[in-house]
Amino acid sequence: MKSIKYTLTHTLSILALAALISVSGSKEASAQLEVSTGVDLVSTYVWRGVAYSGPSWQPYVEAAAGDLTVGAWGSQGYDGFQEMDLYASFSLGDLSIGLTDYYYPGSDYLDGDSHAFEVNLGYSLGSLSIGANYILNEAAGAGSAGGDMYFELGYSGSAADIFVGAGDGWHSSTGDFGLVNIGVTKSKELKITESFSLPISGAVIFNPDSEQLYILAGISL
């Protein structure tokens, strides 16, 4: 098995080359690399129906060139839980394909068993969205035996957004496929002054598999 260092280096090299091609080979000469950053503060870190941590800071850095996006995202909980992910995605109209590297500090970063690599597919049709995700490898440090799947159907409405997700492997308590993530979310701008406002969000999430209900809030900076 190739080392994780080789895998990461090879992956990042491909992404860097793709970014250069996207910038230099674009049909529009004005296409440029755009870099953005930000941080969210959430009352509870819930991902795909599973609570990983309590109040958490979640920073990100993202670079986009044309249809290619590469980024880094992390979560730092006040209870000590940490997660650091790398991701890349490419858009083809309403279809997107991507790769996410999940890593949880505490294990050797260069150890292949510390990372779970997931292929991400997404398709949007008006207000509807469909997502399909598949873990490629066994990753003891990330709690995956490989082959884990997760599918989500979403609807974005004027009143709120609704989603339903189902998965197996690390998404469910038994590893069997089932509903794990049903919820509704709402975002709005909280006006602080005439020229400054904060994006805030709220969500109600129920996991039928674990029979847990979560009510959470978030602020984006």
Protein backbone atom coordinates (compact mmCIF):
# COMPACT_ATOMS: atom_id res chain seq x y z
CA MET A 1 0.00 0.00 0.00
CA LYS A 2 1.33 3.43 -0.89
CA SER A 3 2.07 5.76 1.99
CA ILE A 4 -0.40 8.49 2.92
CA LYS A 5 2.35 11.03 2.32
CA TYR A 6 2.63 9.91 -1.30
CA THR A 7 -1.16 9.87 -1.70
CA LEU A 8 -1.62 13.38 -0.31
CA THR A 9 1.31 14.78 -2.30
CA HIS A 10 0.02 13.18 -5.49
CA THR A 11 -3.53 14.42 -4.88
CA LEU A 12 -2.46 17.98 -4.10
CA SER A 13 -0.23 18.02 -7.18
CA ILE A 14 -3.16 17.03 -9.38
CA LEU A 15 -5.38 19.68 -7.78
CA ALA A 16 -2.72 22.36 -8.19
CA LEU A 17 -2.28 21.43 -11.86
CA ALA A 18 -6.04 21.44 -12.40
CA ALA A 19 -6.28 24.89 -10.81
CA LEU A 20 -3.57 26.24 -13.10
CA ILE A 21 -5.27 24.76 -16.15
CA SER A 22 -8.60 26.22 -15.04
CA VAL A 23 -7.09 29.69 -14.65
CA SER A 24 -4.81 29.77 -17.69
CA GLY A 25 -6.99 27.77 -20.05
CA SER A 26 -10.33 29.40 -19.36
CA LYS A 27 -12.30 30.66 -22.34
CA GLU A 28 -12.64 33.93 -20.44
CA ALA A 29 -9.33 35.70 -19.98
CA SER A 30 -10.70 37.40 -16.89
CA ALA A 31 -11.01 34.11 -14.92
CA GLN A 32 -8.86 34.34 -11.79
CA LEU A 33 -8.15 32.44 -8.62
CA GLU A 34 -10.36 33.65 -5.75
CA VAL A 35 -9.53 32.85 -2.13
CA SER A 36 -12.01 33.23 0.73
CA THR A 37 -12.00 32.47 4.44
CA GLY A 38 -14.41 32.56 7.35
CA VAL A 39 -15.50 30.88 10.56
CA ASP A 40 -18.78 29.58 11.95
CA LEU A 41 -19.71 29.25 15.61
CA VAL A 42 -22.25 26.46 16.18
CA SER A 43 -24.03 25.50 19.39
CA THR A 44 -23.63 21.79 18.58
CA TYR A 45 -21.62 20.11 15.84
CA VAL A 46 -24.07 17.69 14.20
CA TRP A 47 -23.07 16.06 10.93
CA ARG A 48 -25.35 13.72 9.00
CA GLY A 49 -27.51 13.18 12.06
CA VAL A 50 -24.66 12.42 14.48
CA ALA A 51 -23.52 14.83 17.24
CA TYR A 52 -19.73 14.95 17.34
CA SER A 53 -19.21 17.85 19.73
CA GLY A 54 -20.85 20.63 21.70
CA PRO A 55 -20.22 24.33 20.94
CA SER A 56 -17.54 24.53 18.24
CA TRP A 57 -15.55 26.95 16.12
CA GLN A 58 -15.44 25.88 12.46
CA PRO A 59 -12.99 27.83 10.29
CA TYR A 60 -12.39 27.33 6.57
CA VAL A 61 -10.12 28.53 3.77
CA GLU A 62 -11.27 28.03 0.18
CA ALA A 63 -9.81 28.72 -3.26
CA ALA A 64 -11.88 28.72 -6.45
CA ALA A 65 -10.79 28.95 -10.07
CA GLY A 66 -13.55 28.60 -12.62
CA ASP A 67 -15.49 25.43 -11.85
CA LEU A 68 -12.80 24.00 -9.55
CA THR A 69 -12.89 24.56 -5.77
CA VAL A 70 -10.26 23.42 -3.25
CA GLY A 71 -10.53 24.03 0.47
CA ALA A 72 -9.70 23.17 4.06
CA TRP A 73 -12.31 23.00 6.84
CA GLY A 74 -11.93 22.32 10.54
CA SER A 75 -13.94 22.01 13.75
CA GLN A 76 -12.60 22.80 17.22
CA GLY A 77 -15.02 21.97 20.03
CA TYR A 78 -14.84 23.46 23.51
CA ASP A 79 -14.92 19.86 24.75
CA GLY A 80 -11.64 19.13 22.93
CA PHE A 81 -13.02 17.36 19.86
CA GLN A 82 -11.15 18.22 16.65
CA GLU A 83 -11.65 17.51 12.96
CA MET A 84 -9.54 18.76 10.05
CA ASP A 85 -10.70 18.07 6.47
CA LEU A 86 -9.41 18.81 2.98
CA TYR A 87 -11.74 18.82 -0.01
CA ALA A 88 -11.94 19.50 -3.73
CA SER A 89 -14.91 19.71 -6.07
CA PHE A 90 -15.57 20.36 -9.73
CA SER A 91 -18.86 21.64 -11.13
CA LEU A 92 -20.36 20.64 -14.45
CA GLY A 93 -23.48 22.76 -14.61
CA ASP A 94 -25.95 21.33 -12.09
CA LEU A 95 -23.70 18.32 -11.43
CA SER A 96 -20.73 18.37 -9.05
CA ILE A 97 -18.10 15.75 -8.23
CA GLY A 98 -15.64 15.97 -5.38
CA LEU A 99 -13.27 14.27 -2.97
CA THR A 100 -13.09 14.83 0.80
CA ASP A 101 -10.26 13.78 3.15
CA TYR A 102 -11.51 13.37 6.75
CA TYR A 103 -8.88 13.53 9.50
CA TYR A 104 -9.28 13.61 13.29
CA PRO A 105 -6.19 14.91 15.18
CA GLY A 106 -4.71 12.58 17.77
CA SER A 107 -3.34 10.05 15.32
CA ASP A 108 -0.31 10.39 13.02
CA TYR A 109 -1.28 12.59 10.07
CA LEU A 110 1.02 10.63 7.74
CA ASP A 111 -0.56 7.32 8.75
CA GLY A 112 -2.93 6.07 6.05
CA ASP A 113 -5.28 4.60 8.68
CA SER A 114 -5.90 8.11 10.03
CA HIS A 115 -7.69 9.34 6.91
CA ALA A 116 -11.00 8.48 5.29
CA PHE A 117 -11.33 9.47 1.64
CA GLU A 118 -14.85 10.03 0.35
CA VAL A 119 -16.13 10.58 -3.19
CA ASN A 120 -18.94 13.15 -3.31
CA LEU A 121 -21.56 13.54 -6.04
CA GLY A 122 -24.25 16.21 -6.10
CA TYR A 123 -27.01 17.22 -8.48
CA SER A 124 -29.42 20.15 -8.23
CA LEU A 125 -32.67 20.60 -10.09
CA GLY A 126 -34.29 23.89 -9.17
CA SER A 127 -35.14 23.76 -5.48
CA LEU A 128 -34.31 20.05 -5.23
CA SER A 129 -30.85 18.63 -4.54
CA ILE A 130 -29.54 15.07 -4.40
CA GLY A 131 -26.24 13.98 -2.86
CA ALA A 132 -24.43 10.63 -2.95
CA ASN A 133 -21.24 9.87 -0.99
CA TYR A 134 -18.96 6.81 -0.79
CA ILE A 135 -15.95 6.10 1.45
CA LEU A 136 -13.12 4.57 -0.56
CA ASN A 137 -10.88 3.10 2.13
CA GLU A 138 -10.72 1.49 5.54
CA ALA A 139 -9.70 4.12 8.10
CA ALA A 140 -9.43 3.00 11.72
CA GLY A 141 -8.57 6.49 12.91
CA ALA A 142 -11.70 7.88 11.24
CA GLY A 143 -14.01 5.04 12.28
CA SER A 144 -14.67 3.73 8.79
CA ALA A 145 -14.41 0.16 7.50
CA GLY A 146 -14.59 1.42 3.92
CA GLY A 147 -17.53 1.28 1.56
CA ASP A 148 -19.67 3.54 3.77
CA MET A 149 -22.48 5.21 1.83
CA TYR A 150 -24.66 8.24 2.49
CA PHE A 151 -27.46 9.70 0.36
CA GLU A 152 -29.36 12.92 0.99
CA LEU A 153 -32.38 14.57 -0.62
CA GLY A 154 -32.90 18.28 0.02
CA TYR A 155 -35.48 20.92 -0.76
CA SER A 156 -34.78 24.65 -0.53
CA GLY A 157 -37.92 26.71 0.05
CA SER A 158 -38.65 30.33 0.83
CA ALA A 159 -39.76 29.45 4.35
CA ALA A 160 -37.02 26.93 5.20
CA ASP A 161 -34.80 24.16 3.86
CA ILE A 162 -35.70 20.49 4.41
CA PHE A 163 -33.47 17.43 4.10
CA VAL A 164 -33.65 13.65 4.53
CA GLY A 165 -30.52 11.50 4.67
CA ALA A 166 -29.81 7.77 4.89
CA GLY A 167 -26.56 5.86 5.23
CA ASP A 168 -24.70 2.85 6.55
CA GLY A 169 -21.28 2.14 8.02
CA TRP A 170 -20.12 4.94 10.32
CA HIS A 171 -23.42 6.77 9.85
CA SER A 172 -25.55 4.24 11.74
CA SER A 173 -25.31 2.59 15.15
CA THR A 174 -25.37 -0.95 13.71
CA GLY A 175 -23.62 -0.27 10.41
CA ASP A 176 -26.76 -1.22 8.50
CA PHE A 177 -28.35 1.13 5.99
CA GLY A 178 -31.17 3.29 7.33
CA LEU A 179 -32.57 6.78 7.90
CA VAL A 180 -30.17 8.79 10.05
CA ASN A 181 -30.76 12.46 9.29
CA ILE A 182 -34.10 14.30 8.98
CA GLY A 183 -34.27 18.02 9.55
CA VAL A 184 -35.22 21.56 8.72
CA THR A 185 -32.94 24.61 8.65
CA LYS A 186 -33.48 28.36 8.33
CA SER A 187 -30.99 31.17 7.77
CA LYS A 188 -31.36 34.94 8.05
CA GLU A 189 -29.37 38.14 8.44
CA LEU A 190 -29.20 39.61 11.94
CA LYS A 191 -28.93 43.38 11.54
CA ILE A 192 -26.45 44.90 14.00
CA THR A 193 -26.07 48.39 12.53
CA GLU A 194 -27.19 50.14 9.35
CA SER A 195 -24.12 48.81 7.51
CA PHE A 196 -23.34 45.57 9.37
CA SER A 197 -25.24 42.33 9.84
CA LEU A 198 -24.43 38.74 10.86
CA PRO A 199 -25.68 35.62 9.06
CA ILE A 200 -27.36 33.35 11.62
CA SER A 201 -29.01 29.95 11.23
CA GLY A 202 -31.09 27.49 13.19
CA ALA A 203 -31.86 23.81 12.69
CA VAL A 204 -33.97 21.01 14.11
CA ILE A 205 -32.54 17.56 13.36
CA PHE A 206 -33.86 14.11 14.22
CA ASN A 207 -31.93 10.87 13.83
CA PRO A 208 -34.38 7.92 13.61
CA ASP A 209 -31.51 5.44 13.96
CA SER A 210 -30.20 6.77 17.30
CA GLU A 211 -33.58 8.27 18.29
CA GLN A 212 -31.88 11.58 19.11
CA LEU A 213 -33.26 15.09 18.56
CA TYR A 214 -31.01 18.14 18.17
CA ILE A 215 -31.89 21.84 18.13
CA LEU A 216 -28.96 24.05 17.19
CA ALA A 217 -27.95 27.52 16.13
CA GLY A 218 -25.01 29.00 14.26
CA ILE A 219 -23.36 32.36 13.48
CA SER A 220 -21.11 32.99 10.48
CA LEU A 221 -18.23 35.48 10.68
